[in-house]
Amino acid sequence: MEDENERSSPLGFFNIATSYWASGRFLIYHRLGVSHQDNVVRFLLYHAIECFLKAFLRSKGLSIHDLANPKKFGHKVSKLSARARRLGLQFDDEDKEIFKLMSMGDTVIRARYFKRGCFFWPDLSALDRTCSSLSASVGKSLKADGIPIRTIDRGNSQIDD
């Protein structure tokens, strides 16, 4: 288990979150003309949000075993965000609303698998703003812990050192 903890660092989670976010942003701004593109973007942004939260929690000493355990955290953004808040990460009202929407029913799974019917989706720009907010706040926390990170420049979708 120790080896698994060493291989799943806060920086690794932050970098993969940034990659999912950057990919989602690319698709937001470059319409490809394919069916269900917004679902793909939502999935990318949902996963980025989850990974940003896990980056913060790993930096605060939570084990990869606890974060991966579906009985403790798993993919449950409600639990991840609640623990992150208790450990000092602050969220704005829109972030909290996104976490709430992501935790309702099958919101996240609907982005992965096609389901017909009426459904309320979080706005893509709101998901993007939550990714931006988490990138900034988690990035600031990681930097304070001496972890070198890279962030996305929101203005032009470029990676900025």
C-alpha atoms as a PDB file:
ATOM      1  CA  MET A   1       0.000   0.000   0.000  1.00  0.00           C
ATOM      2  CA  GLU A   2       2.864   2.389   0.740  1.00  0.00           C
ATOM      3  CA  ASP A   3       4.102   2.046  -2.832  1.00  0.00           C
ATOM      4  CA  GLU A   4       0.597   2.875  -4.102  1.00  0.00           C
ATOM      5  CA  ASN A   5       0.523   5.999  -1.914  1.00  0.00           C
ATOM      6  CA  GLU A   6       3.900   7.093  -3.262  1.00  0.00           C
ATOM      7  CA  ARG A   7       2.745   6.582  -6.852  1.00  0.00           C
ATOM      8  CA  SER A   8      -0.466   8.574  -6.298  1.00  0.00           C
ATOM      9  CA  SER A   9       0.862  11.953  -5.278  1.00  0.00           C
ATOM     10  CA  PRO A  10      -1.004  15.229  -4.860  1.00  0.00           C
ATOM     11  CA  LEU A  11       0.937  16.557  -7.848  1.00  0.00           C
ATOM     12  CA  GLY A  12      -0.143  13.579  -9.963  1.00  0.00           C
ATOM     13  CA  PHE A  13      -3.797  14.193  -9.116  1.00  0.00           C
ATOM     14  CA  PHE A  14      -3.392  17.924  -9.782  1.00  0.00           C
ATOM     15  CA  ASN A  15      -1.720  17.318 -13.142  1.00  0.00           C
ATOM     16  CA  ILE A  16      -4.330  14.819 -14.310  1.00  0.00           C
ATOM     17  CA  ALA A  17      -7.105  17.175 -13.174  1.00  0.00           C
ATOM     18  CA  THR A  18      -5.488  19.951 -15.190  1.00  0.00           C
ATOM     19  CA  SER A  19      -5.268  17.671 -18.232  1.00  0.00           C
ATOM     20  CA  TYR A  20      -8.943  16.707 -18.055  1.00  0.00           C
ATOM     21  CA  TRP A  21      -9.900  20.362 -17.546  1.00  0.00           C
ATOM     22  CA  ALA A  22      -7.749  21.570 -20.459  1.00  0.00           C
ATOM     23  CA  SER A  23      -9.236  18.878 -22.711  1.00  0.00           C
ATOM     24  CA  GLY A  24     -12.761  19.844 -21.702  1.00  0.00           C
ATOM     25  CA  ARG A  25     -12.024  23.517 -22.320  1.00  0.00           C
ATOM     26  CA  PHE A  26     -10.649  22.722 -25.754  1.00  0.00           C
ATOM     27  CA  LEU A  27     -13.887  20.968 -26.655  1.00  0.00           C
ATOM     28  CA  ILE A  28     -15.992  23.810 -25.245  1.00  0.00           C
ATOM     29  CA  TYR A  29     -14.267  26.288 -27.561  1.00  0.00           C
ATOM     30  CA  HIS A  30     -13.839  24.000 -30.582  1.00  0.00           C
ATOM     31  CA  ARG A  31     -17.154  22.537 -31.600  1.00  0.00           C
ATOM     32  CA  LEU A  32     -16.458  19.324 -33.503  1.00  0.00           C
ATOM     33  CA  GLY A  33     -19.946  18.780 -34.864  1.00  0.00           C
ATOM     34  CA  VAL A  34     -20.326  15.365 -33.274  1.00  0.00           C
ATOM     35  CA  SER A  35     -23.280  13.949 -31.398  1.00  0.00           C
ATOM     36  CA  HIS A  36     -23.323  14.326 -27.613  1.00  0.00           C
ATOM     37  CA  GLN A  37     -20.136  16.395 -27.409  1.00  0.00           C
ATOM     38  CA  ASP A  38     -21.439  18.206 -24.330  1.00  0.00           C
ATOM     39  CA  ASN A  39     -21.656  14.891 -22.465  1.00  0.00           C
ATOM     40  CA  VAL A  40     -17.985  14.269 -23.190  1.00  0.00           C
ATOM     41  CA  VAL A  41     -17.114  17.763 -21.961  1.00  0.00           C
ATOM     42  CA  ARG A  42     -19.165  17.236 -18.789  1.00  0.00           C
ATOM     43  CA  PHE A  43     -17.419  13.942 -18.123  1.00  0.00           C
ATOM     44  CA  LEU A  44     -13.998  15.561 -18.533  1.00  0.00           C
ATOM     45  CA  LEU A  45     -14.901  18.461 -16.241  1.00  0.00           C
ATOM     46  CA  TYR A  46     -16.569  16.220 -13.642  1.00  0.00           C
ATOM     47  CA  HIS A  47     -13.442  14.087 -13.493  1.00  0.00           C
ATOM     48  CA  ALA A  48     -11.228  17.163 -13.264  1.00  0.00           C
ATOM     49  CA  ILE A  49     -13.249  18.409 -10.286  1.00  0.00           C
ATOM     50  CA  GLU A  50     -12.926  15.028  -8.564  1.00  0.00           C
ATOM     51  CA  CYS A  51      -9.164  14.931  -9.171  1.00  0.00           C
ATOM     52  CA  PHE A  52      -8.586  18.512  -7.954  1.00  0.00           C
ATOM     53  CA  LEU A  53     -10.345  17.587  -4.705  1.00  0.00           C
ATOM     54  CA  LYS A  54      -8.298  14.386  -4.407  1.00  0.00           C
ATOM     55  CA  ALA A  55      -5.079  16.348  -5.003  1.00  0.00           C
ATOM     56  CA  PHE A  56      -5.913  18.559  -2.046  1.00  0.00           C
ATOM     57  CA  LEU A  57      -6.899  15.619   0.159  1.00  0.00           C
ATOM     58  CA  ARG A  58      -3.736  13.665  -0.722  1.00  0.00           C
ATOM     59  CA  SER A  59      -1.690  16.739   0.222  1.00  0.00           C
ATOM     60  CA  LYS A  60      -3.418  16.680   3.610  1.00  0.00           C
ATOM     61  CA  GLY A  61      -2.389  13.085   4.243  1.00  0.00           C
ATOM     62  CA  LEU A  62      -5.385  11.019   3.137  1.00  0.00           C
ATOM     63  CA  SER A  63      -4.290   7.706   1.699  1.00  0.00           C
ATOM     64  CA  ILE A  64      -5.034   6.552  -1.813  1.00  0.00           C
ATOM     65  CA  HIS A  65      -6.787   3.550  -0.233  1.00  0.00           C
ATOM     66  CA  ASP A  66      -9.245   5.857   1.564  1.00  0.00           C
ATOM     67  CA  LEU A  67      -9.782   8.054  -1.507  1.00  0.00           C
ATOM     68  CA  ALA A  68     -10.416   5.052  -3.775  1.00  0.00           C
ATOM     69  CA  ASN A  69     -12.642   3.222  -1.298  1.00  0.00           C
ATOM     70  CA  PRO A  70     -16.289   3.673  -2.394  1.00  0.00           C
ATOM     71  CA  LYS A  71     -17.445   3.299   1.218  1.00  0.00           C
ATOM     72  CA  LYS A  72     -15.310   6.267   2.269  1.00  0.00           C
ATOM     73  CA  PHE A  73     -14.945   8.534  -0.784  1.00  0.00           C
ATOM     74  CA  GLY A  74     -14.603   6.837  -4.156  1.00  0.00           C
ATOM     75  CA  HIS A  75     -16.097   9.128  -6.792  1.00  0.00           C
ATOM     76  CA  LYS A  76     -18.449  10.864  -4.333  1.00  0.00           C
ATOM     77  CA  VAL A  77     -17.840  14.567  -4.811  1.00  0.00           C
ATOM     78  CA  SER A  78     -20.139  15.362  -1.895  1.00  0.00           C
ATOM     79  CA  LYS A  79     -17.855  13.457   0.494  1.00  0.00           C
ATOM     80  CA  LEU A  80     -14.637  14.667  -1.125  1.00  0.00           C
ATOM     81  CA  SER A  81     -15.710  18.327  -0.986  1.00  0.00           C
ATOM     82  CA  ALA A  82     -17.032  18.029   2.580  1.00  0.00           C
ATOM     83  CA  ARG A  83     -13.711  16.622   3.814  1.00  0.00           C
ATOM     84  CA  ALA A  84     -11.739  19.213   1.829  1.00  0.00           C
ATOM     85  CA  ARG A  85     -13.853  21.976   3.384  1.00  0.00           C
ATOM     86  CA  ARG A  86     -13.211  20.582   6.881  1.00  0.00           C
ATOM     87  CA  LEU A  87      -9.482  20.593   6.090  1.00  0.00           C
ATOM     88  CA  GLY A  88      -9.566  24.276   5.111  1.00  0.00           C
ATOM     89  CA  LEU A  89     -10.348  24.438   1.394  1.00  0.00           C
ATOM     90  CA  GLN A  90     -12.906  27.158   0.737  1.00  0.00           C
ATOM     91  CA  PHE A  91     -15.554  27.129  -1.979  1.00  0.00           C
ATOM     92  CA  ASP A  92     -17.737  29.837  -3.436  1.00  0.00           C
ATOM     93  CA  ASP A  93     -21.499  29.409  -3.762  1.00  0.00           C
ATOM     94  CA  GLU A  94     -21.300  28.276  -7.395  1.00  0.00           C
ATOM     95  CA  ASP A  95     -18.764  25.570  -6.511  1.00  0.00           C
ATOM     96  CA  LYS A  96     -21.078  24.301  -3.779  1.00  0.00           C
ATOM     97  CA  GLU A  97     -23.989  24.231  -6.221  1.00  0.00           C
ATOM     98  CA  ILE A  98     -21.922  22.254  -8.745  1.00  0.00           C
ATOM     99  CA  PHE A  99     -20.939  19.740  -6.046  1.00  0.00           C
ATOM    100  CA  LYS A 100     -24.603  19.419  -5.111  1.00  0.00           C
ATOM    101  CA  LEU A 101     -25.671  18.860  -8.728  1.00  0.00           C
ATOM    102  CA  MET A 102     -22.880  16.329  -9.266  1.00  0.00           C
ATOM    103  CA  SER A 103     -24.051  14.422  -6.197  1.00  0.00           C
ATOM    104  CA  MET A 104     -27.675  14.155  -7.270  1.00  0.00           C
ATOM    105  CA  GLY A 105     -28.804  10.811  -8.629  1.00  0.00           C
ATOM    106  CA  ASP A 106     -26.989   9.714 -11.750  1.00  0.00           C
ATOM    107  CA  THR A 107     -25.763  13.113 -12.953  1.00  0.00           C
ATOM    108  CA  VAL A 108     -22.153  12.050 -13.469  1.00  0.00           C
ATOM    109  CA  ILE A 109     -22.930   8.637 -14.936  1.00  0.00           C
ATOM    110  CA  ARG A 110     -25.336  10.239 -17.453  1.00  0.00           C
ATOM    111  CA  ALA A 111     -22.349  12.068 -18.946  1.00  0.00           C
ATOM    112  CA  ARG A 112     -20.693   8.709 -19.611  1.00  0.00           C
ATOM    113  CA  TYR A 113     -23.648   6.755 -20.937  1.00  0.00           C
ATOM    114  CA  PHE A 114     -26.506   7.921 -23.126  1.00  0.00           C
ATOM    115  CA  LYS A 115     -29.897   8.000 -21.431  1.00  0.00           C
ATOM    116  CA  ARG A 116     -33.029   9.438 -22.934  1.00  0.00           C
ATOM    117  CA  GLY A 117     -35.415  11.659 -21.064  1.00  0.00           C
ATOM    118  CA  CYS A 118     -35.657  15.084 -19.514  1.00  0.00           C
ATOM    119  CA  PHE A 119     -32.771  15.980 -17.255  1.00  0.00           C
ATOM    120  CA  PHE A 120     -31.186  19.084 -15.718  1.00  0.00           C
ATOM    121  CA  TRP A 121     -27.489  19.472 -16.515  1.00  0.00           C
ATOM    122  CA  PRO A 122     -25.002  21.780 -14.851  1.00  0.00           C
ATOM    123  CA  ASP A 123     -24.003  24.532 -17.266  1.00  0.00           C
ATOM    124  CA  LEU A 124     -20.674  23.876 -19.000  1.00  0.00           C
ATOM    125  CA  SER A 125     -19.411  27.364 -18.202  1.00  0.00           C
ATOM    126  CA  ALA A 126     -20.279  26.832 -14.520  1.00  0.00           C
ATOM    127  CA  LEU A 127     -18.351  23.547 -14.514  1.00  0.00           C
ATOM    128  CA  ASP A 128     -15.428  25.354 -16.158  1.00  0.00           C
ATOM    129  CA  ARG A 129     -15.531  28.076 -13.497  1.00  0.00           C
ATOM    130  CA  THR A 130     -15.524  25.456 -10.724  1.00  0.00           C
ATOM    131  CA  CYS A 131     -12.480  23.819 -12.322  1.00  0.00           C
ATOM    132  CA  SER A 132     -10.838  27.240 -12.450  1.00  0.00           C
ATOM    133  CA  SER A 133     -11.696  27.927  -8.824  1.00  0.00           C
ATOM    134  CA  LEU A 134     -10.354  24.558  -7.683  1.00  0.00           C
ATOM    135  CA  SER A 135      -7.226  24.876  -9.796  1.00  0.00           C
ATOM    136  CA  ALA A 136      -6.486  28.210  -8.118  1.00  0.00           C
ATOM    137  CA  SER A 137      -7.315  27.220  -4.531  1.00  0.00           C
ATOM    138  CA  VAL A 138      -5.832  23.716  -4.619  1.00  0.00           C
ATOM    139  CA  GLY A 139      -2.831  25.030  -6.562  1.00  0.00           C
ATOM    140  CA  LYS A 140      -2.249  27.719  -3.936  1.00  0.00           C
ATOM    141  CA  SER A 141      -2.433  25.097  -1.169  1.00  0.00           C
ATOM    142  CA  LEU A 142      -0.032  22.752  -2.971  1.00  0.00           C
ATOM    143  CA  LYS A 143       2.419  25.595  -3.632  1.00  0.00           C
ATOM    144  CA  ALA A 144       2.266  26.511   0.076  1.00  0.00           C
ATOM    145  CA  ASP A 145       3.204  22.887   0.817  1.00  0.00           C
ATOM    146  CA  GLY A 146       6.237  23.222  -1.497  1.00  0.00           C
ATOM    147  CA  ILE A 147       4.752  21.262  -4.388  1.00  0.00           C
ATOM    148  CA  PRO A 148       5.577  22.850  -7.773  1.00  0.00           C
ATOM    149  CA  ILE A 149       2.503  23.040  -9.992  1.00  0.00           C
ATOM    150  CA  ARG A 150       1.409  24.357 -13.368  1.00  0.00           C
ATOM    151  CA  THR A 151      -1.912  26.069 -13.919  1.00  0.00           C
ATOM    152  CA  ILE A 152      -4.126  26.915 -16.884  1.00  0.00           C
ATOM    153  CA  ASP A 153      -4.428  30.526 -17.972  1.00  0.00           C
ATOM    154  CA  ARG A 154      -8.219  30.937 -18.187  1.00  0.00           C
ATOM    155  CA  GLY A 155      -8.014  33.658 -20.784  1.00  0.00           C
ATOM    156  CA  ASN A 156      -6.687  31.668 -23.707  1.00  0.00           C
ATOM    157  CA  SER A 157      -6.730  27.989 -22.688  1.00  0.00           C
ATOM    158  CA  GLN A 158      -2.941  27.806 -22.687  1.00  0.00           C
ATOM    159  CA  ILE A 159      -0.847  26.098 -20.068  1.00  0.00           C
ATOM    160  CA  ASP A 160       1.012  28.757 -18.111  1.00  0.00           C
ATOM    161  CA  ASP A 161       3.995  28.124 -15.810  1.00  0.00           C
END
